[in-house]
PDB file of N, CA and C in Angstrom:
ATOM      1  N   MET A   1      17.542 -11.516  55.440  1.00  0.00           N
ATOM      2  CA  MET A   1      18.083 -11.805  56.207  1.00  0.00           C
ATOM      3  C   MET A   1      19.269 -10.919  56.992  1.00  0.00           C
ATOM      4  N   LYS A   2      19.683  -9.914  56.447  1.00  0.00           N
ATOM      5  CA  LYS A   2      20.454  -9.013  56.706  1.00  0.00           C
ATOM      6  C   LYS A   2      19.421  -8.088  57.962  1.00  0.00           C
ATOM      7  N   THR A   3      18.259  -7.900  57.611  1.00  0.00           N
ATOM      8  CA  THR A   3      17.389  -7.284  58.561  1.00  0.00           C
ATOM      9  C   THR A   3      17.363  -7.994  59.793  1.00  0.00           C
ATOM     10  N   SER A   4      17.199  -9.105  59.819  1.00  0.00           N
ATOM     11  CA  SER A   4      17.200  -9.951  61.328  1.00  0.00           C
ATOM     12  C   SER A   4      18.326  -9.962  61.728  1.00  0.00           C
ATOM     13  N   HIS A   5      19.518  -9.717  61.389  1.00  0.00           N
ATOM     14  CA  HIS A   5      21.050  -9.725  61.740  1.00  0.00           C
ATOM     15  C   HIS A   5      20.893  -8.375  62.469  1.00  0.00           C
ATOM     16  N   ILE A   6      20.502  -7.270  61.791  1.00  0.00           N
ATOM     17  CA  ILE A   6      20.690  -5.979  62.588  1.00  0.00           C
ATOM     18  C   ILE A   6      19.769  -6.177  63.781  1.00  0.00           C
ATOM     19  N   THR A   7      18.617  -6.596  63.819  1.00  0.00           N
ATOM     20  CA  THR A   7      17.789  -6.666  64.755  1.00  0.00           C
ATOM     21  C   THR A   7      18.483  -7.319  66.127  1.00  0.00           C
ATOM     22  N   LEU A   8      19.046  -8.287  65.862  1.00  0.00           N
ATOM     23  CA  LEU A   8      19.720  -9.217  66.691  1.00  0.00           C
ATOM     24  C   LEU A   8      20.898  -8.317  67.342  1.00  0.00           C
ATOM     25  N   VAL A   9      21.799  -7.648  66.464  1.00  0.00           N
ATOM     26  CA  VAL A   9      22.668  -6.488  67.231  1.00  0.00           C
ATOM     27  C   VAL A   9      22.184  -5.639  67.811  1.00  0.00           C
ATOM     28  N   LYS A  10      20.880  -5.284  67.423  1.00  0.00           N
ATOM     29  CA  LYS A  10      20.347  -4.048  68.374  1.00  0.00           C
ATOM     30  C   LYS A  10      20.105  -4.579  69.610  1.00  0.00           C
ATOM     31  N   ARG A  11      19.336  -5.750  69.812  1.00  0.00           N
ATOM     32  CA  ARG A  11      19.020  -6.272  70.915  1.00  0.00           C
ATOM     33  C   ARG A  11      20.349  -6.544  71.657  1.00  0.00           C
ATOM     34  N   LEU A  12      21.269  -7.128  71.324  1.00  0.00           N
ATOM     35  CA  LEU A  12      22.348  -7.399  72.198  1.00  0.00           C
ATOM     36  C   LEU A  12      22.938  -6.138  72.668  1.00  0.00           C
ATOM     37  N   VAL A  13      22.928  -5.169  71.918  1.00  0.00           N
ATOM     38  CA  VAL A  13      23.433  -4.049  72.413  1.00  0.00           C
ATOM     39  C   VAL A  13      22.551  -3.371  73.505  1.00  0.00           C
ATOM     40  N   LEU A  14      21.189  -3.420  73.425  1.00  0.00           N
ATOM     41  CA  LEU A  14      20.294  -2.962  74.416  1.00  0.00           C
ATOM     42  C   LEU A  14      20.313  -3.597  75.756  1.00  0.00           C
ATOM     43  N   LEU A  15      20.943  -5.224  75.461  1.00  0.00           N
ATOM     44  CA  LEU A  15      20.986  -5.844  76.447  1.00  0.00           C
ATOM     45  C   LEU A  15      22.150  -5.769  77.487  1.00  0.00           C
ATOM     46  N   PHE A  16      23.347  -5.350  76.566  1.00  0.00           N
ATOM     47  CA  PHE A  16      24.522  -4.889  77.464  1.00  0.00           C
ATOM     48  C   PHE A  16      24.247  -3.763  78.142  1.00  0.00           C
ATOM     49  N   LEU A  17      23.678  -2.774  77.300  1.00  0.00           N
ATOM     50  CA  LEU A  17      23.475  -1.285  78.043  1.00  0.00           C
ATOM     51  C   LEU A  17      22.637  -1.444  79.327  1.00  0.00           C
ATOM     52  N   ALA A  18      21.448  -2.017  79.246  1.00  0.00           N
ATOM     53  CA  ALA A  18      20.841  -2.219  80.335  1.00  0.00           C
ATOM     54  C   ALA A  18      21.326  -3.064  81.614  1.00  0.00           C
ATOM     55  N   THR A  19      22.183  -4.086  81.170  1.00  0.00           N
ATOM     56  CA  THR A  19      22.786  -5.049  82.325  1.00  0.00           C
ATOM     57  C   THR A  19      23.987  -4.094  82.730  1.00  0.00           C
ATOM     58  N   THR A  20      24.667  -3.297  81.965  1.00  0.00           N
ATOM     59  CA  THR A  20      25.615  -2.273  82.415  1.00  0.00           C
ATOM     60  C   THR A  20      24.876  -1.321  83.427  1.00  0.00           C
ATOM     61  N   LEU A  21      23.894  -0.727  83.130  1.00  0.00           N
ATOM     62  CA  LEU A  21      23.047   0.337  83.788  1.00  0.00           C
ATOM     63  C   LEU A  21      22.643  -0.290  85.188  1.00  0.00           C
ATOM     64  N   LEU A  22      22.129  -1.408  85.262  1.00  0.00           N
ATOM     65  CA  LEU A  22      21.656  -2.091  86.551  1.00  0.00           C
ATOM     66  C   LEU A  22      22.963  -2.116  87.313  1.00  0.00           C
ATOM     67  N   ALA A  23      24.064  -2.822  86.848  1.00  0.00           N
ATOM     68  CA  ALA A  23      25.309  -2.837  87.598  1.00  0.00           C
ATOM     69  C   ALA A  23      25.738  -1.850  88.393  1.00  0.00           C
ATOM     70  N   PHE A  24      25.709  -0.317  87.550  1.00  0.00           N
ATOM     71  CA  PHE A  24      26.072   0.842  88.300  1.00  0.00           C
ATOM     72  C   PHE A  24      25.092   1.154  89.190  1.00  0.00           C
ATOM     73  N   VAL A  25      23.783   1.012  88.941  1.00  0.00           N
ATOM     74  CA  VAL A  25      22.619   1.344  90.082  1.00  0.00           C
ATOM     75  C   VAL A  25      23.069   0.396  91.422  1.00  0.00           C
ATOM     76  N   GLY A  26      23.025  -0.773  91.238  1.00  0.00           N
ATOM     77  CA  GLY A  26      23.601  -1.544  92.464  1.00  0.00           C
ATOM     78  C   GLY A  26      25.053  -1.474  93.086  1.00  0.00           C
ATOM     79  N   LEU A  27      25.931  -0.814  92.273  1.00  0.00           N
ATOM     80  CA  LEU A  27      26.938  -0.408  93.197  1.00  0.00           C
ATOM     81  C   LEU A  27      26.539   0.921  93.685  1.00  0.00           C
ATOM     82  N   GLY A  28      25.993   1.799  93.219  1.00  0.00           N
ATOM     83  CA  GLY A  28      25.672   3.186  93.700  1.00  0.00           C
ATOM     84  C   GLY A  28      24.895   2.898  95.116  1.00  0.00           C
ATOM     85  N   CYS A  29      24.129   2.003  95.287  1.00  0.00           N
ATOM     86  CA  CYS A  29      23.440   1.793  96.212  1.00  0.00           C
ATOM     87  C   CYS A  29      24.219   1.285  97.529  1.00  0.00           C
ATOM     88  N   ASN A  30      25.183   0.332  97.247  1.00  0.00           N
ATOM     89  CA  ASN A  30      26.121  -0.057  98.155  1.00  0.00           C
ATOM     90  C   ASN A  30      26.903   1.081  98.549  1.00  0.00           C
ATOM     91  N   THR A  31      27.350   1.835  97.483  1.00  0.00           N
ATOM     92  CA  THR A  31      28.442   2.987  98.080  1.00  0.00           C
ATOM     93  C   THR A  31      27.588   4.031  98.929  1.00  0.00           C
ATOM     94  N   ALA A  32      26.262   4.060  98.461  1.00  0.00           N
ATOM     95  CA  ALA A  32      25.705   5.036  99.432  1.00  0.00           C
ATOM     96  C   ALA A  32      25.229   4.527 100.725  1.00  0.00           C
ATOM     97  N   HIS A  33      25.089   3.189 100.746  1.00  0.00           N
ATOM     98  CA  HIS A  33      24.798   2.514 102.207  1.00  0.00           C
ATOM     99  C   HIS A  33      26.001   2.420 103.089  1.00  0.00           C
ATOM    100  N   GLY A  34      27.288   2.299 102.340  1.00  0.00           N
ATOM    101  CA  GLY A  34      28.550   2.513 103.077  1.00  0.00           C
ATOM    102  C   GLY A  34      28.770   3.653 103.612  1.00  0.00           C
ATOM    103  N   PHE A  35      28.613   4.860 102.615  1.00  0.00           N
ATOM    104  CA  PHE A  35      28.613   6.219 103.124  1.00  0.00           C
ATOM    105  C   PHE A  35      27.904   6.473 104.245  1.00  0.00           C
ATOM    106  N   GLY A  36      26.626   6.020 104.211  1.00  0.00           N
ATOM    107  CA  GLY A  36      25.949   6.327 105.441  1.00  0.00           C
ATOM    108  C   GLY A  36      26.100   5.696 106.682  1.00  0.00           C
ATOM    109  N   GLU A  37      26.728   4.408 106.865  1.00  0.00           N
ATOM    110  CA  GLU A  37      27.335   3.856 107.935  1.00  0.00           C
ATOM    111  C   GLU A  37      28.494   4.554 108.381  1.00  0.00           C
ATOM    112  N   ASP A  38      29.327   5.198 107.476  1.00  0.00           N
ATOM    113  CA  ASP A  38      30.505   5.972 107.789  1.00  0.00           C
ATOM    114  C   ASP A  38      30.221   7.005 108.608  1.00  0.00           C
ATOM    115  N   MET A  39      29.126   7.991 108.106  1.00  0.00           N
ATOM    116  CA  MET A  39      28.608   8.920 108.549  1.00  0.00           C
ATOM    117  C   MET A  39      28.149   8.893 109.876  1.00  0.00           C
ATOM    118  N   GLU A  40      27.574   7.793 110.082  1.00  0.00           N
ATOM    119  CA  GLU A  40      26.929   7.440 111.516  1.00  0.00           C
ATOM    120  C   GLU A  40      27.952   6.973 112.578  1.00  0.00           C
ATOM    121  N   LYS A  41      28.961   6.386 112.027  1.00  0.00           N
ATOM    122  CA  LYS A  41      30.125   6.216 112.933  1.00  0.00           C
ATOM    123  C   LYS A  41      30.883   7.450 113.343  1.00  0.00           C
ATOM    124  N   ALA A  42      30.939   8.416 112.451  1.00  0.00           N
ATOM    125  CA  ALA A  42      31.604   9.912 112.599  1.00  0.00           C
ATOM    126  C   ALA A  42      30.661  10.718 113.543  1.00  0.00           C
ATOM    127  N   GLY A  43      29.477  10.719 113.426  1.00  0.00           N
ATOM    128  CA  GLY A  43      28.526  11.308 114.262  1.00  0.00           C
ATOM    129  C   GLY A  43      28.596  10.697 115.591  1.00  0.00           C
ATOM    130  N   ALA A  44      28.738   9.378 115.908  1.00  0.00           N
ATOM    131  CA  ALA A  44      28.760   8.605 117.200  1.00  0.00           C
ATOM    132  C   ALA A  44      30.053   9.346 117.770  1.00  0.00           C
ATOM    133  N   LYS A  45      31.304   9.306 117.173  1.00  0.00           N
ATOM    134  CA  LYS A  45      32.517   9.837 117.664  1.00  0.00           C
ATOM    135  C   LYS A  45      32.244  11.251 117.912  1.00  0.00           C
ATOM    136  N   ILE A  46      31.601  11.954 117.301  1.00  0.00           N
ATOM    137  CA  ILE A  46      31.667  13.580 117.361  1.00  0.00           C
ATOM    138  C   ILE A  46      30.706  13.490 119.026  1.00  0.00           C
ATOM    139  N   GLN A  47      29.654  12.788 119.164  1.00  0.00           N
ATOM    140  CA  GLN A  47      28.784  12.925 120.180  1.00  0.00           C
ATOM    141  C   GLN A  47      29.586  12.334 121.654  1.00  0.00           C
ATOM    142  N   ASP A  48      30.404  11.343 121.366  1.00  0.00           N
ATOM    143  CA  ASP A  48      31.186  10.765 122.320  1.00  0.00           C
ATOM    144  C   ASP A  48      32.247  11.844 122.839  1.00  0.00           C
ATOM    145  N   GLY A  49      32.739  12.554 121.946  1.00  0.00           N
ATOM    146  CA  GLY A  49      33.715  13.562 122.156  1.00  0.00           C
ATOM    147  C   GLY A  49      33.093  14.846 123.162  1.00  0.00           C
ATOM    148  N   THR A  50      31.948  14.902 122.937  1.00  0.00           N
ATOM    149  CA  THR A  50      30.795  16.048 123.465  1.00  0.00           C
ATOM    150  C   THR A  50      30.709  15.762 125.045  1.00  0.00           C
ATOM    151  N   LYS A  51      30.952  14.640 125.351  1.00  0.00           N
ATOM    152  CA  LYS A  51      30.407  14.073 126.684  1.00  0.00           C
ATOM    153  C   LYS A  51      31.158  14.468 127.935  1.00  0.00           C
TER     154      LYS A  51
END
């Protein structure tokens, strides 16, 4: 009985860590996408300023 309890705890910990990792990866992608859009806007303003 004790072995199955430890196995369950290990599975729950691994599930939590995997979910947390996926959440950070998802947030990182959104942040990089937003940064790319900001850089694109900045580049457009620089181009407009040189005309």
